[in-house]
């Protein structure tokens, strides 16, 4: 019964955000500030789902206003965990097919997010150039999921290099966002679903990497995130009653 009630309330809440949010964005379409504004509204569903999201931001991470954020991509609950800490002035890069999702597609585009055609390598490369252009000219930050797909309990998947090519070309740092494991830990029929830690790590300077070293940078960032996610999971496991 609790699951059904939560799903009904979540659907109603999302419909209201998408409809009224799209109307609101028509007054200032594709303003990048909209992404954090509405991302955090979606993130409020964490309370509805019984999830306590703890945000951690080490000293220095908050001072990065022009960068590439990278986050681990686990499942649909990213919408209420990662979204809840969406950095101000950042937009995301998503699949072009998102545009055709009823109600959600329009607000995703109107808030200023970038869309790529992953089935077309030429267009995908062109989108990386767009990302670089947006970062440089509009001083935007971009939030990307370098795994390229949801991991669904398989751990941190191998990273694609697009985000790292963009960071090197734009000359901006990379800021990892690590989210503790949610796979198999959330039961919507259970009142409380525990704690999820979202930690924004200190910026990683990319100026000492050339485009020929993109794989080295990619592996370095993935290794840092692997270690941090493991630490977060161990911390939560140690504090969870048996």
Protein backbone atom coordinates (compact mmCIF):
# COMPACT_ATOMS: atom_id res chain seq x y z
CA UNK A 1 0.00 0.00 0.00
CA UNK A 2 2.83 2.40 0.89
CA UNK A 3 4.50 1.72 -2.47
CA UNK A 4 1.30 2.53 -4.40
CA UNK A 5 0.73 5.72 -2.41
CA UNK A 6 4.31 6.87 -2.95
CA UNK A 7 4.18 6.18 -6.68
CA UNK A 8 0.90 8.04 -7.08
CA UNK A 9 2.21 11.06 -5.18
CA UNK A 10 5.50 10.97 -7.10
CA UNK A 11 3.70 10.88 -10.46
CA UNK A 12 1.45 13.79 -9.45
CA UNK A 13 4.43 15.78 -8.16
CA UNK A 14 6.45 15.17 -11.36
CA UNK A 15 3.49 16.14 -13.54
CA UNK A 16 3.10 19.42 -11.66
CA UNK A 17 6.82 20.20 -11.99
CA UNK A 18 6.88 19.38 -15.70
CA UNK A 19 3.74 21.32 -16.62
CA UNK A 20 4.20 24.42 -14.49
CA UNK A 21 7.98 24.29 -14.83
CA UNK A 22 7.76 24.35 -18.64
CA UNK A 23 5.41 27.34 -18.49
CA UNK A 24 7.78 29.11 -16.10
CA UNK A 25 10.78 28.46 -18.35
CA UNK A 26 9.00 29.99 -21.34
CA UNK A 27 9.65 33.41 -19.80
CA UNK A 28 13.42 32.78 -19.86
CA UNK A 29 13.99 29.66 -21.99
CA UNK A 30 17.24 27.75 -21.64
CA UNK A 31 18.51 29.83 -18.74
CA UNK A 32 21.13 27.49 -17.15
CA UNK A 33 20.03 28.50 -13.65
CA UNK A 34 16.81 26.56 -14.28
CA UNK A 35 18.62 23.21 -14.20
CA UNK A 36 19.65 23.47 -10.55
CA UNK A 37 16.31 25.03 -9.63
CA UNK A 38 14.21 22.19 -11.02
CA UNK A 39 16.77 19.48 -10.31
CA UNK A 40 16.52 20.31 -6.63
CA UNK A 41 12.72 20.26 -6.85
CA UNK A 42 12.89 16.71 -8.22
CA UNK A 43 15.38 15.92 -5.47
CA UNK A 44 12.78 16.73 -2.82
CA UNK A 45 11.12 13.42 -3.67
CA UNK A 46 13.86 11.79 -1.60
CA UNK A 47 11.80 12.64 1.49
CA UNK A 48 8.73 11.04 -0.08
CA UNK A 49 10.75 7.87 -0.71
CA UNK A 50 12.12 7.78 2.83
CA UNK A 51 15.70 8.56 1.73
CA UNK A 52 17.93 10.88 3.72
CA UNK A 53 20.37 12.54 1.33
CA UNK A 54 23.52 13.89 2.99
CA UNK A 55 25.50 16.33 0.90
CA UNK A 56 29.22 16.75 1.50
CA UNK A 57 31.29 19.45 -0.13
CA UNK A 58 34.96 19.62 0.88
CA UNK A 59 36.68 22.98 1.03
CA UNK A 60 37.55 24.14 -2.46
CA UNK A 61 34.83 22.23 -4.28
CA UNK A 62 32.29 25.03 -3.81
CA UNK A 63 34.65 27.57 -5.38
CA UNK A 64 34.59 25.89 -8.82
CA UNK A 65 32.16 27.88 -10.98
CA UNK A 66 33.35 26.79 -14.41
CA UNK A 67 34.11 23.07 -14.68
CA UNK A 68 33.00 19.63 -15.82
CA UNK A 69 31.19 17.69 -13.10
CA UNK A 70 31.22 13.89 -13.43
CA UNK A 71 28.94 11.62 -11.40
CA UNK A 72 28.33 7.90 -11.09
CA UNK A 73 25.08 6.80 -12.74
CA UNK A 74 23.31 4.01 -10.83
CA UNK A 75 19.58 3.91 -11.51
CA UNK A 76 16.40 6.01 -11.62
CA UNK A 77 16.93 7.10 -8.01
CA UNK A 78 19.71 9.38 -9.29
CA UNK A 79 16.82 11.77 -9.97
CA UNK A 80 16.34 12.21 -6.23
CA UNK A 81 19.95 11.86 -5.03
CA UNK A 82 22.33 13.46 -7.52
CA UNK A 83 19.62 15.89 -8.63
CA UNK A 84 19.18 17.15 -5.08
CA UNK A 85 22.70 18.62 -5.10
CA UNK A 86 22.72 19.91 -8.68
CA UNK A 87 25.38 22.65 -8.71
CA UNK A 88 24.21 26.16 -9.57
CA UNK A 89 25.01 27.26 -13.11
CA UNK A 90 25.45 23.73 -14.41
CA UNK A 91 23.59 21.92 -17.17
CA UNK A 92 23.56 18.24 -18.06
CA UNK A 93 24.20 16.36 -21.28
CA UNK A 94 21.57 13.75 -22.15
CA UNK A 95 20.48 11.52 -25.00
CA UNK A 96 18.52 13.22 -27.75
CA UNK A 97 15.73 10.67 -27.25
CA UNK A 98 14.92 12.29 -23.88
CA UNK A 99 13.25 15.09 -25.81
CA UNK A 100 10.42 12.74 -26.81
CA UNK A 101 9.45 11.71 -23.28
CA UNK A 102 6.01 13.27 -22.72
CA UNK A 103 6.11 16.34 -20.41
CA UNK A 104 9.65 15.61 -19.16
CA UNK A 105 11.29 16.14 -22.56
CA UNK A 106 10.15 19.75 -22.99
CA UNK A 107 11.24 20.84 -19.51
CA UNK A 108 14.57 19.05 -19.93
CA UNK A 109 15.26 21.09 -23.06
CA UNK A 110 13.74 24.38 -21.85
CA UNK A 111 15.90 24.40 -18.73
CA UNK A 112 19.01 24.57 -20.93
CA UNK A 113 20.35 21.02 -20.93
CA UNK A 114 22.31 19.79 -23.96
CA UNK A 115 21.17 16.85 -26.10
CA UNK A 116 23.43 14.48 -28.04
CA UNK A 117 22.82 11.80 -30.63
CA UNK A 118 24.77 8.84 -29.26
CA UNK A 119 23.93 6.69 -32.28
CA UNK A 120 25.73 9.11 -34.58
CA UNK A 121 29.45 9.36 -33.80
CA UNK A 122 29.93 12.43 -36.01
CA UNK A 123 27.17 14.35 -34.23
CA UNK A 124 28.38 13.12 -30.84
CA UNK A 125 31.84 14.56 -31.56
CA UNK A 126 30.16 17.77 -32.65
CA UNK A 127 28.32 17.90 -29.34
CA UNK A 128 31.61 17.69 -27.43
CA UNK A 129 32.66 20.77 -29.40
CA UNK A 130 29.37 22.39 -28.34
CA UNK A 131 30.11 21.54 -24.72
CA UNK A 132 33.53 23.16 -24.98
CA UNK A 133 32.00 26.22 -26.64
CA UNK A 134 29.34 26.57 -23.92
CA UNK A 135 31.89 26.17 -21.15
CA UNK A 136 34.19 28.81 -22.63
CA UNK A 137 31.75 31.42 -23.91
CA UNK A 138 28.97 31.23 -21.32
CA UNK A 139 31.13 30.19 -18.37
CA UNK A 140 28.87 27.22 -17.76
CA UNK A 141 29.57 24.06 -15.84
CA UNK A 142 28.48 20.75 -17.34
CA UNK A 143 27.30 17.71 -15.37
CA UNK A 144 28.01 14.45 -17.20
CA UNK A 145 27.73 10.73 -16.45
CA UNK A 146 30.92 9.25 -17.97
CA UNK A 147 29.70 5.66 -17.63
CA UNK A 148 27.20 6.45 -20.37
CA UNK A 149 24.50 4.23 -18.89
CA UNK A 150 23.06 3.16 -15.53
CA UNK A 151 25.25 0.66 -13.70
CA UNK A 152 22.30 -1.10 -11.95
CA UNK A 153 24.40 -2.79 -9.27
CA UNK A 154 27.39 -3.65 -11.48
CA UNK A 155 29.69 -1.21 -9.72
CA UNK A 156 31.36 1.75 -11.38
CA UNK A 157 31.39 0.94 -15.11
CA UNK A 158 34.25 1.88 -17.46
CA UNK A 159 34.30 5.58 -18.34
CA UNK A 160 33.84 7.00 -21.82
CA UNK A 161 36.28 9.79 -22.63
CA UNK A 162 33.93 12.53 -23.89
CA UNK A 163 33.77 14.48 -20.62
CA UNK A 164 37.54 14.39 -20.30
CA UNK A 165 38.17 15.50 -23.88
CA UNK A 166 35.84 18.43 -23.20
CA UNK A 167 37.58 19.37 -19.94
CA UNK A 168 41.04 19.34 -21.53
CA UNK A 169 39.89 21.31 -24.58
CA UNK A 170 38.09 23.90 -22.45
CA UNK A 171 40.94 24.11 -19.95
CA UNK A 172 38.63 23.67 -16.96
CA UNK A 173 38.89 21.33 -13.95
CA UNK A 174 36.94 18.13 -13.43
CA UNK A 175 34.92 17.81 -10.23
CA UNK A 176 33.79 14.26 -9.34
CA UNK A 177 30.44 13.75 -7.60
CA UNK A 178 30.27 10.41 -5.79
CA UNK A 179 26.99 8.88 -4.66
CA UNK A 180 26.92 5.95 -2.24
CA UNK A 181 25.24 2.76 -3.41
CA UNK A 182 21.45 2.81 -3.78
CA UNK A 183 21.05 -0.45 -5.75
CA UNK A 184 18.97 -2.94 -3.75
CA UNK A 185 18.88 -0.61 -0.73
CA UNK A 186 15.57 1.10 -1.44
CA UNK A 187 12.21 -0.56 -0.82
CA UNK A 188 9.26 1.74 -1.43
CA UNK A 189 7.09 -0.45 0.83
CA UNK A 190 9.43 0.40 3.70
CA UNK A 191 8.93 3.65 5.58
CA UNK A 192 12.63 4.50 5.99
CA UNK A 193 15.21 3.77 3.32
CA UNK A 194 18.23 5.01 5.17
CA UNK A 195 20.96 7.43 4.21
CA UNK A 196 22.62 8.18 0.89
CA UNK A 197 25.80 10.26 0.88
CA UNK A 198 26.54 12.52 -2.09
CA UNK A 199 30.07 13.88 -1.89
CA UNK A 200 31.46 16.55 -4.20
CA UNK A 201 35.20 16.02 -4.39
CA UNK A 202 37.89 18.71 -4.82
CA UNK A 203 38.57 19.88 -8.39
CA UNK A 204 41.08 17.98 -10.51
CA UNK A 205 43.31 20.27 -12.58
CA UNK A 206 43.34 19.21 -16.25
CA UNK A 207 45.82 21.80 -17.50
CA UNK A 208 48.73 19.40 -17.12
CA UNK A 209 47.06 16.86 -19.46
CA UNK A 210 47.21 16.96 -23.25
CA UNK A 211 44.59 15.44 -25.53
CA UNK A 212 46.93 12.48 -26.02
CA UNK A 213 46.72 11.85 -22.25
CA UNK A 214 42.92 11.77 -22.10
CA UNK A 215 42.83 8.06 -21.18
CA UNK A 216 45.31 8.67 -18.38
CA UNK A 217 43.08 11.45 -17.00
CA UNK A 218 39.99 9.28 -17.43
CA UNK A 219 41.50 6.37 -15.50
CA UNK A 220 42.82 8.69 -12.77
CA UNK A 221 39.37 10.17 -12.16
CA UNK A 222 37.68 6.76 -12.21
CA UNK A 223 40.15 5.36 -9.68
CA UNK A 224 39.54 8.33 -7.35
CA UNK A 225 35.79 7.80 -7.58
CA UNK A 226 36.07 4.05 -7.05
CA UNK A 227 37.96 4.62 -3.81
CA UNK A 228 35.60 7.35 -2.59
CA UNK A 229 32.42 5.37 -3.34
CA UNK A 230 33.89 2.37 -1.50
CA UNK A 231 34.61 4.58 1.52
CA UNK A 232 31.09 6.00 1.49
CA UNK A 233 29.52 2.53 1.23
CA UNK A 234 31.67 1.23 4.08
CA UNK A 235 30.72 4.19 6.26
CA UNK A 236 27.02 3.62 5.72
CA UNK A 237 27.35 -0.16 6.25
CA UNK A 238 29.14 0.43 9.56
CA UNK A 239 26.32 2.61 10.82
CA UNK A 240 23.44 0.45 9.59
CA UNK A 241 21.90 -1.83 12.27
CA UNK A 242 22.06 -5.51 11.47
